[in-house]
């Protein structure tokens, strides 16, 4: 990876706004999960269980990790050319 600019849509491209949105997306998912657990699980069970708030942080890291993994796989494995074989055209149409 380097700090050069890339055209939007480039396979494996990483931007700060993309990384921030991935973390925010993970936080939103974790927060909704936490709220649902608090509203659906019995209070007595929650008192005996491990704290549930760390799931918010874990979800944020999950969003970031998933975004970075997607970019690494896109930069290394994704094909950027044109595939026009008869079999692929048959599957698409």
PDB file of N, CA and C in Angstrom:
ATOM      1  N   UNK A   1       0.843  -1.182   0.000  1.00  0.00           N
ATOM      2  CA  UNK A   1       0.000   0.000   0.000  1.00  0.00           C
ATOM      3  C   UNK A   1       0.888   1.245   0.000  1.00  0.00           C
ATOM      4  N   UNK A   2       0.424   2.251  -0.674  1.00  0.00           N
ATOM      5  CA  UNK A   2       1.113   3.529  -0.641  1.00  0.00           C
ATOM      6  C   UNK A   2       0.068   4.629  -0.507  1.00  0.00           C
ATOM      7  N   UNK A   3       0.523   5.841  -0.406  1.00  0.00           N
ATOM      8  CA  UNK A   3      -0.393   6.957  -0.165  1.00  0.00           C
ATOM      9  C   UNK A   3      -0.761   7.694  -1.446  1.00  0.00           C
ATOM     10  N   UNK A   4      -0.711   7.000  -2.567  1.00  0.00           N
ATOM     11  CA  UNK A   4      -1.043   7.666  -3.818  1.00  0.00           C
ATOM     12  C   UNK A   4      -2.562   7.767  -3.978  1.00  0.00           C
ATOM     13  N   UNK A   5      -2.972   8.664  -4.847  1.00  0.00           N
ATOM     14  CA  UNK A   5      -4.394   8.842  -5.118  1.00  0.00           C
ATOM     15  C   UNK A   5      -4.855   7.774  -6.099  1.00  0.00           C
ATOM     16  N   UNK A   6      -6.126   7.463  -6.060  1.00  0.00           N
ATOM     17  CA  UNK A   6      -6.684   6.473  -6.957  1.00  0.00           C
ATOM     18  C   UNK A   6      -8.047   6.954  -7.446  1.00  0.00           C
ATOM     19  N   UNK A   7      -8.456   6.397  -8.555  1.00  0.00           N
ATOM     20  CA  UNK A   7      -9.753   6.719  -9.123  1.00  0.00           C
ATOM     21  C   UNK A   7     -10.816   6.002  -8.296  1.00  0.00           C
ATOM     22  N   UNK A   8     -11.901   6.678  -7.910  1.00  0.00           N
ATOM     23  CA  UNK A   8     -12.965   5.985  -7.177  1.00  0.00           C
ATOM     24  C   UNK A   8     -13.453   4.757  -7.948  1.00  0.00           C
ATOM     25  N   UNK A   9     -13.604   3.658  -7.240  1.00  0.00           N
ATOM     26  CA  UNK A   9     -14.008   2.404  -7.861  1.00  0.00           C
ATOM     27  C   UNK A   9     -12.844   1.482  -8.154  1.00  0.00           C
ATOM     28  N   UNK A  10     -11.622   1.924  -7.871  1.00  0.00           N
ATOM     29  CA  UNK A  10     -10.443   1.099  -8.097  1.00  0.00           C
ATOM     30  C   UNK A  10     -10.453  -0.085  -7.135  1.00  0.00           C
ATOM     31  N   UNK A  11     -10.139  -1.274  -7.646  1.00  0.00           N
ATOM     32  CA  UNK A  11     -10.084  -2.457  -6.804  1.00  0.00           C
ATOM     33  C   UNK A  11      -9.026  -2.283  -5.727  1.00  0.00           C
ATOM     34  N   UNK A  12      -9.416  -2.450  -4.466  1.00  0.00           N
ATOM     35  CA  UNK A  12      -8.479  -2.358  -3.359  1.00  0.00           C
ATOM     36  C   UNK A  12      -8.209  -0.957  -2.874  1.00  0.00           C
ATOM     37  N   UNK A  13      -8.878   0.027  -3.410  1.00  0.00           N
ATOM     38  CA  UNK A  13      -8.661   1.403  -2.966  1.00  0.00           C
ATOM     39  C   UNK A  13      -9.138   1.617  -1.537  1.00  0.00           C
ATOM     40  N   UNK A  14      -8.337   2.340  -0.765  1.00  0.00           N
ATOM     41  CA  UNK A  14      -8.666   2.626   0.638  1.00  0.00           C
ATOM     42  C   UNK A  14      -8.679   4.138   0.825  1.00  0.00           C
ATOM     43  N   UNK A  15      -9.752   4.644   1.433  1.00  0.00           N
ATOM     44  CA  UNK A  15      -9.820   6.073   1.722  1.00  0.00           C
ATOM     45  C   UNK A  15     -10.162   6.258   3.196  1.00  0.00           C
ATOM     46  N   UNK A  16      -9.813   7.429   3.705  1.00  0.00           N
ATOM     47  CA  UNK A  16     -10.125   7.719   5.110  1.00  0.00           C
ATOM     48  C   UNK A  16     -11.624   7.741   5.347  1.00  0.00           C
ATOM     49  N   UNK A  17     -12.360   8.302   4.424  1.00  0.00           N
ATOM     50  CA  UNK A  17     -13.814   8.355   4.604  1.00  0.00           C
ATOM     51  C   UNK A  17     -14.409   6.945   4.588  1.00  0.00           C
ATOM     52  N   UNK A  18     -13.863   6.068   3.779  1.00  0.00           N
ATOM     53  CA  UNK A  18     -14.328   4.685   3.750  1.00  0.00           C
ATOM     54  C   UNK A  18     -14.046   3.953   5.048  1.00  0.00           C
ATOM     55  N   UNK A  19     -12.855   4.170   5.596  1.00  0.00           N
ATOM     56  CA  UNK A  19     -12.504   3.524   6.870  1.00  0.00           C
ATOM     57  C   UNK A  19     -13.357   4.059   8.014  1.00  0.00           C
ATOM     58  N   UNK A  20     -13.572   5.369   8.023  1.00  0.00           N
ATOM     59  CA  UNK A  20     -14.406   5.963   9.085  1.00  0.00           C
ATOM     60  C   UNK A  20     -15.843   5.449   8.975  1.00  0.00           C
ATOM     61  N   UNK A  21     -16.358   5.366   7.767  1.00  0.00           N
ATOM     62  CA  UNK A  21     -17.719   4.853   7.589  1.00  0.00           C
ATOM     63  C   UNK A  21     -17.823   3.392   7.998  1.00  0.00           C
ATOM     64  N   UNK A  22     -16.782   2.611   7.788  1.00  0.00           N
ATOM     65  CA  UNK A  22     -16.785   1.218   8.220  1.00  0.00           C
ATOM     66  C   UNK A  22     -16.859   1.111   9.734  1.00  0.00           C
ATOM     67  N   UNK A  23     -16.094   1.944  10.424  1.00  0.00           N
ATOM     68  CA  UNK A  23     -16.123   1.942  11.888  1.00  0.00           C
ATOM     69  C   UNK A  23     -17.480   2.408  12.395  1.00  0.00           C
ATOM     70  N   UNK A  24     -18.004   3.462  11.804  1.00  0.00           N
ATOM     71  CA  UNK A  24     -19.320   3.971  12.218  1.00  0.00           C
ATOM     72  C   UNK A  24     -20.403   2.922  11.952  1.00  0.00           C
ATOM     73  N   UNK A  25     -20.327   2.251  10.832  1.00  0.00           N
ATOM     74  CA  UNK A  25     -21.286   1.185  10.533  1.00  0.00           C
ATOM     75  C   UNK A  25     -21.221   0.071  11.553  1.00  0.00           C
ATOM     76  N   UNK A  26     -20.004  -0.326  11.932  1.00  0.00           N
ATOM     77  CA  UNK A  26     -19.852  -1.341  12.972  1.00  0.00           C
ATOM     78  C   UNK A  26     -20.394  -0.870  14.307  1.00  0.00           C
ATOM     79  N   UNK A  27     -20.156   0.402  14.643  1.00  0.00           N
ATOM     80  CA  UNK A  27     -20.690   0.952  15.895  1.00  0.00           C
ATOM     81  C   UNK A  27     -22.213   0.938  15.905  1.00  0.00           C
ATOM     82  N   UNK A  28     -22.817   1.275  14.779  1.00  0.00           N
ATOM     83  CA  UNK A  28     -24.286   1.289  14.700  1.00  0.00           C
ATOM     84  C   UNK A  28     -24.839  -0.125  14.882  1.00  0.00           C
ATOM     85  N   UNK A  29     -24.225  -1.099  14.228  1.00  0.00           N
ATOM     86  CA  UNK A  29     -24.679  -2.486  14.369  1.00  0.00           C
ATOM     87  C   UNK A  29     -24.521  -2.949  15.815  1.00  0.00           C
ATOM     88  N   UNK A  30     -23.362  -2.681  16.413  1.00  0.00           N
ATOM     89  CA  UNK A  30     -23.137  -3.067  17.800  1.00  0.00           C
ATOM     90  C   UNK A  30     -24.076  -2.376  18.762  1.00  0.00           C
ATOM     91  N   UNK A  31     -24.352  -1.105  18.527  1.00  0.00           N
ATOM     92  CA  UNK A  31     -25.254  -0.357  19.402  1.00  0.00           C
ATOM     93  C   UNK A  31     -26.684  -0.900  19.318  1.00  0.00           C
ATOM     94  N   UNK A  32     -27.150  -1.181  18.115  1.00  0.00           N
ATOM     95  CA  UNK A  32     -28.488  -1.751  17.970  1.00  0.00           C
ATOM     96  C   UNK A  32     -28.576  -3.128  18.622  1.00  0.00           C
ATOM     97  N   UNK A  33     -27.526  -3.924  18.482  1.00  0.00           N
ATOM     98  CA  UNK A  33     -27.511  -5.231  19.137  1.00  0.00           C
ATOM     99  C   UNK A  33     -27.592  -5.061  20.656  1.00  0.00           C
ATOM    100  N   UNK A  34     -26.802  -4.150  21.192  1.00  0.00           N
ATOM    101  CA  UNK A  34     -26.783  -3.897  22.633  1.00  0.00           C
ATOM    102  C   UNK A  34     -28.158  -3.439  23.126  1.00  0.00           C
ATOM    103  N   UNK A  35     -28.770  -2.526  22.385  1.00  0.00           N
ATOM    104  CA  UNK A  35     -30.097  -2.042  22.769  1.00  0.00           C
ATOM    105  C   UNK A  35     -31.121  -3.178  22.729  1.00  0.00           C
ATOM    106  N   UNK A  36     -31.048  -4.022  21.716  1.00  0.00           N
ATOM    107  CA  UNK A  36     -31.981  -5.147  21.626  1.00  0.00           C
ATOM    108  C   UNK A  36     -31.775  -6.129  22.777  1.00  0.00           C
ATOM    109  N   UNK A  37     -30.535  -6.386  23.150  1.00  0.00           N
ATOM    110  CA  UNK A  37     -30.272  -7.287  24.278  1.00  0.00           C
ATOM    111  C   UNK A  37     -30.860  -6.695  25.554  1.00  0.00           C
ATOM    112  N   UNK A  38     -30.650  -5.418  25.789  1.00  0.00           N
ATOM    113  CA  UNK A  38     -31.180  -4.785  26.996  1.00  0.00           C
ATOM    114  C   UNK A  38     -32.703  -4.821  27.033  1.00  0.00           C
ATOM    115  N   UNK A  39     -33.344  -4.723  25.879  1.00  0.00           N
ATOM    116  CA  UNK A  39     -34.806  -4.673  25.833  1.00  0.00           C
ATOM    117  C   UNK A  39     -35.479  -6.041  25.761  1.00  0.00           C
ATOM    118  N   UNK A  40     -34.750  -7.078  25.404  1.00  0.00           N
ATOM    119  CA  UNK A  40     -35.397  -8.383  25.213  1.00  0.00           C
ATOM    120  C   UNK A  40     -35.007  -9.431  26.236  1.00  0.00           C
ATOM    121  N   UNK A  41     -33.868  -9.280  26.879  1.00  0.00           N
ATOM    122  CA  UNK A  41     -33.413 -10.293  27.836  1.00  0.00           C
ATOM    123  C   UNK A  41     -33.845  -9.884  29.238  1.00  0.00           C
ATOM    124  N   UNK A  42     -34.244 -10.878  30.015  1.00  0.00           N
ATOM    125  CA  UNK A  42     -34.695 -10.641  31.387  1.00  0.00           C
ATOM    126  C   UNK A  42     -33.579 -10.007  32.216  1.00  0.00           C
ATOM    127  N   UNK A  43     -33.942  -9.097  33.100  1.00  0.00           N
ATOM    128  CA  UNK A  43     -32.966  -8.379  33.929  1.00  0.00           C
ATOM    129  C   UNK A  43     -32.169  -9.325  34.803  1.00  0.00           C
ATOM    130  N   UNK A  44     -32.798 -10.343  35.344  1.00  0.00           N
ATOM    131  CA  UNK A  44     -32.092 -11.307  36.203  1.00  0.00           C
ATOM    132  C   UNK A  44     -31.011 -12.046  35.410  1.00  0.00           C
ATOM    133  N   UNK A  45     -31.309 -12.377  34.185  1.00  0.00           N
ATOM    134  CA  UNK A  45     -30.320 -13.053  33.334  1.00  0.00           C
ATOM    135  C   UNK A  45     -29.175 -12.101  33.005  1.00  0.00           C
ATOM    136  N   UNK A  46     -29.486 -10.844  32.718  1.00  0.00           N
ATOM    137  CA  UNK A  46     -28.434  -9.873  32.400  1.00  0.00           C
ATOM    138  C   UNK A  46     -27.506  -9.632  33.580  1.00  0.00           C
ATOM    139  N   UNK A  47     -28.033  -9.679  34.797  1.00  0.00           N
ATOM    140  CA  UNK A  47     -27.197  -9.467  35.978  1.00  0.00           C
ATOM    141  C   UNK A  47     -26.214 -10.611  36.177  1.00  0.00           C
ATOM    142  N   UNK A  48     -26.591 -11.818  35.766  1.00  0.00           N
ATOM    143  CA  UNK A  48     -25.706 -12.975  35.908  1.00  0.00           C
ATOM    144  C   UNK A  48     -24.731 -13.100  34.735  1.00  0.00           C
ATOM    145  N   UNK A  49     -25.071 -12.520  33.600  1.00  0.00           N
ATOM    146  CA  UNK A  49     -24.243 -12.649  32.397  1.00  0.00           C
ATOM    147  C   UNK A  49     -23.067 -11.680  32.425  1.00  0.00           C
ATOM    148  N   UNK A  50     -22.136 -11.935  31.544  1.00  0.00           N
ATOM    149  CA  UNK A  50     -21.001 -11.024  31.375  1.00  0.00           C
ATOM    150  C   UNK A  50     -21.512  -9.687  30.837  1.00  0.00           C
ATOM    151  N   UNK A  51     -20.773  -8.617  31.038  1.00  0.00           N
ATOM    152  CA  UNK A  51     -21.201  -7.315  30.502  1.00  0.00           C
ATOM    153  C   UNK A  51     -21.383  -7.384  28.986  1.00  0.00           C
ATOM    154  N   UNK A  52     -22.429  -6.742  28.508  1.00  0.00           N
ATOM    155  CA  UNK A  52     -22.758  -6.796  27.089  1.00  0.00           C
ATOM    156  C   UNK A  52     -22.249  -5.590  26.299  1.00  0.00           C
ATOM    157  N   UNK A  53     -21.831  -4.531  26.962  1.00  0.00           N
ATOM    158  CA  UNK A  53     -21.420  -3.321  26.244  1.00  0.00           C
ATOM    159  C   UNK A  53     -20.184  -3.498  25.373  1.00  0.00           C
ATOM    160  N   UNK A  54     -19.248  -4.431  25.668  1.00  0.00           N
ATOM    161  CA  UNK A  54     -18.080  -4.547  24.778  1.00  0.00           C
ATOM    162  C   UNK A  54     -18.421  -4.947  23.347  1.00  0.00           C
ATOM    163  N   UNK A  55     -19.623  -5.471  23.128  1.00  0.00           N
ATOM    164  CA  UNK A  55     -19.995  -5.854  21.766  1.00  0.00           C
ATOM    165  C   UNK A  55     -20.002  -4.642  20.837  1.00  0.00           C
ATOM    166  N   UNK A  56     -20.224  -3.465  21.380  1.00  0.00           N
ATOM    167  CA  UNK A  56     -20.219  -2.250  20.557  1.00  0.00           C
ATOM    168  C   UNK A  56     -18.810  -2.009  20.006  1.00  0.00           C
ATOM    169  N   UNK A  57     -17.808  -2.160  20.858  1.00  0.00           N
ATOM    170  CA  UNK A  57     -16.411  -1.971  20.436  1.00  0.00           C
ATOM    171  C   UNK A  57     -15.987  -3.092  19.481  1.00  0.00           C
ATOM    172  N   UNK A  58     -16.378  -4.319  19.784  1.00  0.00           N
ATOM    173  CA  UNK A  58     -16.039  -5.458  18.927  1.00  0.00           C
ATOM    174  C   UNK A  58     -16.650  -5.276  17.539  1.00  0.00           C
ATOM    175  N   UNK A  59     -17.877  -4.796  17.476  1.00  0.00           N
ATOM    176  CA  UNK A  59     -18.525  -4.568  16.180  1.00  0.00           C
ATOM    177  C   UNK A  59     -17.815  -3.471  15.390  1.00  0.00           C
ATOM    178  N   UNK A  60     -17.337  -2.437  16.075  1.00  0.00           N
ATOM    179  CA  UNK A  60     -16.600  -1.370  15.381  1.00  0.00           C
ATOM    180  C   UNK A  60     -15.311  -1.920  14.776  1.00  0.00           C
ATOM    181  N   UNK A  61     -14.573  -2.725  15.549  1.00  0.00           N
ATOM    182  CA  UNK A  61     -13.355  -3.342  15.008  1.00  0.00           C
ATOM    183  C   UNK A  61     -13.682  -4.324  13.891  1.00  0.00           C
ATOM    184  N   UNK A  62     -14.829  -5.009  14.015  1.00  0.00           N
ATOM    185  CA  UNK A  62     -15.259  -5.919  12.952  1.00  0.00           C
ATOM    186  C   UNK A  62     -15.540  -5.182  11.657  1.00  0.00           C
ATOM    187  N   UNK A  63     -16.173  -4.025  11.748  1.00  0.00           N
ATOM    188  CA  UNK A  63     -16.425  -3.220  10.556  1.00  0.00           C
ATOM    189  C   UNK A  63     -15.138  -2.750   9.907  1.00  0.00           C
ATOM    190  N   UNK A  64     -14.199  -2.297  10.721  1.00  0.00           N
ATOM    191  CA  UNK A  64     -12.904  -1.844  10.202  1.00  0.00           C
ATOM    192  C   UNK A  64     -12.124  -3.000   9.577  1.00  0.00           C
ATOM    193  N   UNK A  65     -12.068  -4.127  10.279  1.00  0.00           N
ATOM    194  CA  UNK A  65     -11.333  -5.289   9.773  1.00  0.00           C
ATOM    195  C   UNK A  65     -11.943  -5.797   8.473  1.00  0.00           C
ATOM    196  N   UNK A  66     -13.278  -5.858   8.415  1.00  0.00           N
ATOM    197  CA  UNK A  66     -13.936  -6.316   7.200  1.00  0.00           C
ATOM    198  C   UNK A  66     -13.654  -5.411   6.018  1.00  0.00           C
ATOM    199  N   UNK A  67     -13.620  -4.115   6.257  1.00  0.00           N
ATOM    200  CA  UNK A  67     -13.335  -3.163   5.190  1.00  0.00           C
ATOM    201  C   UNK A  67     -11.898  -3.311   4.684  1.00  0.00           C
ATOM    202  N   UNK A  68     -10.962  -3.450   5.597  1.00  0.00           N
ATOM    203  CA  UNK A  68      -9.549  -3.608   5.203  1.00  0.00           C
ATOM    204  C   UNK A  68      -9.337  -4.928   4.480  1.00  0.00           C
ATOM    205  N   UNK A  69      -9.958  -6.007   4.991  1.00  0.00           N
ATOM    206  CA  UNK A  69      -9.833  -7.304   4.328  1.00  0.00           C
ATOM    207  C   UNK A  69     -10.422  -7.256   2.922  1.00  0.00           C
ATOM    208  N   UNK A  70     -11.549  -6.605   2.768  1.00  0.00           N
ATOM    209  CA  UNK A  70     -12.165  -6.457   1.453  1.00  0.00           C
ATOM    210  C   UNK A  70     -11.244  -5.705   0.497  1.00  0.00           C
ATOM    211  N   UNK A  71     -10.582  -4.670   0.984  1.00  0.00           N
ATOM    212  CA  UNK A  71      -9.664  -3.902   0.134  1.00  0.00           C
ATOM    213  C   UNK A  71      -8.434  -4.718  -0.235  1.00  0.00           C
ATOM    214  N   UNK A  72      -7.896  -5.471   0.711  1.00  0.00           N
ATOM    215  CA  UNK A  72      -6.720  -6.302   0.417  1.00  0.00           C
ATOM    216  C   UNK A  72      -7.074  -7.371  -0.614  1.00  0.00           C
ATOM    217  N   UNK A  73      -8.215  -8.034  -0.429  1.00  0.00           N
ATOM    218  CA  UNK A  73      -8.625  -9.048  -1.397  1.00  0.00           C
ATOM    219  C   UNK A  73      -8.931  -8.426  -2.755  1.00  0.00           C
ATOM    220  N   UNK A  74      -9.529  -7.253  -2.757  1.00  0.00           N
ATOM    221  CA  UNK A  74      -9.809  -6.580  -4.018  1.00  0.00           C
ATOM    222  C   UNK A  74      -8.537  -6.179  -4.752  1.00  0.00           C
ATOM    223  N   UNK A  75      -7.534  -5.740  -4.005  1.00  0.00           N
ATOM    224  CA  UNK A  75      -6.281  -5.302  -4.627  1.00  0.00           C
ATOM    225  C   UNK A  75      -5.450  -6.480  -5.134  1.00  0.00           C
ATOM    226  N   UNK A  76      -5.576  -7.641  -4.492  1.00  0.00           N
ATOM    227  CA  UNK A  76      -4.710  -8.759  -4.850  1.00  0.00           C
ATOM    228  C   UNK A  76      -5.388  -9.817  -5.711  1.00  0.00           C
ATOM    229  N   UNK A  77      -6.684 -10.026  -5.543  1.00  0.00           N
ATOM    230  CA  UNK A  77      -7.327 -11.154  -6.214  1.00  0.00           C
ATOM    231  C   UNK A  77      -8.401 -10.779  -7.227  1.00  0.00           C
ATOM    232  N   UNK A  78      -8.946  -9.594  -7.143  1.00  0.00           N
ATOM    233  CA  UNK A  78     -10.065  -9.242  -8.006  1.00  0.00           C
ATOM    234  C   UNK A  78      -9.592  -8.950  -9.419  1.00  0.00           C
ATOM    235  N   UNK A  79     -10.278  -9.534 -10.370  1.00  0.00           N
ATOM    236  CA  UNK A  79      -9.945  -9.342 -11.784  1.00  0.00           C
ATOM    237  C   UNK A  79     -10.558  -8.043 -12.286  1.00  0.00           C
ATOM    238  N   UNK A  80      -9.769  -7.244 -12.975  1.00  0.00           N
ATOM    239  CA  UNK A  80     -10.245  -5.942 -13.443  1.00  0.00           C
ATOM    240  C   UNK A  80     -10.488  -5.886 -14.936  1.00  0.00           C
ATOM    241  N   UNK A  81     -10.290  -6.987 -15.612  1.00  0.00           N
ATOM    242  CA  UNK A  81     -10.430  -6.983 -17.061  1.00  0.00           C
ATOM    243  C   UNK A  81     -11.845  -7.262 -17.514  1.00  0.00           C
ATOM    244  N   UNK A  82     -11.954  -7.639 -18.785  1.00  0.00           N
ATOM    245  CA  UNK A  82     -13.227  -7.905 -19.421  1.00  0.00           C
ATOM    246  C   UNK A  82     -13.332  -9.401 -19.685  1.00  0.00           C
ATOM    247  N   UNK A  83     -14.362 -10.044 -19.201  1.00  0.00           N
ATOM    248  CA  UNK A  83     -14.565 -11.469 -19.440  1.00  0.00           C
ATOM    249  C   UNK A  83     -15.763 -11.609 -20.364  1.00  0.00           C
ATOM    250  N   UNK A  84     -15.515 -12.066 -21.573  1.00  0.00           N
ATOM    251  CA  UNK A  84     -16.601 -12.191 -22.551  1.00  0.00           C
ATOM    252  C   UNK A  84     -16.636 -13.593 -23.152  1.00  0.00           C
ATOM    253  N   UNK A  85     -16.499 -14.596 -22.324  1.00  0.00           N
ATOM    254  CA  UNK A  85     -16.622 -15.950 -22.857  1.00  0.00           C
ATOM    255  C   UNK A  85     -18.094 -16.292 -23.024  1.00  0.00           C
ATOM    256  N   UNK A  86     -18.376 -17.307 -23.817  1.00  0.00           N
ATOM    257  CA  UNK A  86     -19.758 -17.698 -24.061  1.00  0.00           C
ATOM    258  C   UNK A  86     -20.435 -18.158 -22.777  1.00  0.00           C
ATOM    259  N   UNK A  87     -19.698 -18.868 -21.935  1.00  0.00           N
ATOM    260  CA  UNK A  87     -20.287 -19.397 -20.702  1.00  0.00           C
ATOM    261  C   UNK A  87     -20.690 -18.266 -19.756  1.00  0.00           C
ATOM    262  N   UNK A  88     -19.820 -17.269 -19.582  1.00  0.00           N
ATOM    263  CA  UNK A  88     -20.130 -16.143 -18.696  1.00  0.00           C
ATOM    264  C   UNK A  88     -21.298 -15.351 -19.254  1.00  0.00           C
ATOM    265  N   UNK A  89     -21.311 -15.104 -20.546  1.00  0.00           N
ATOM    266  CA  UNK A  89     -22.423 -14.368 -21.149  1.00  0.00           C
ATOM    267  C   UNK A  89     -23.721 -15.127 -20.986  1.00  0.00           C
ATOM    268  N   UNK A  90     -23.678 -16.460 -21.066  1.00  0.00           N
ATOM    269  CA  UNK A  90     -24.876 -17.265 -20.853  1.00  0.00           C
ATOM    270  C   UNK A  90     -25.379 -17.108 -19.420  1.00  0.00           C
ATOM    271  N   UNK A  91     -24.467 -17.063 -18.453  1.00  0.00           N
ATOM    272  CA  UNK A  91     -24.874 -16.912 -17.050  1.00  0.00           C
ATOM    273  C   UNK A  91     -25.442 -15.527 -16.775  1.00  0.00           C
ATOM    274  N   UNK A  92     -24.909 -14.525 -17.423  1.00  0.00           N
ATOM    275  CA  UNK A  92     -25.352 -13.159 -17.154  1.00  0.00           C
ATOM    276  C   UNK A  92     -26.668 -12.826 -17.839  1.00  0.00           C
ATOM    277  N   UNK A  93     -26.946 -13.429 -18.957  1.00  0.00           N
ATOM    278  CA  UNK A  93     -28.147 -13.078 -19.714  1.00  0.00           C
ATOM    279  C   UNK A  93     -29.019 -14.257 -19.774  1.00  0.00           C
TER     280      UNK A  93
END
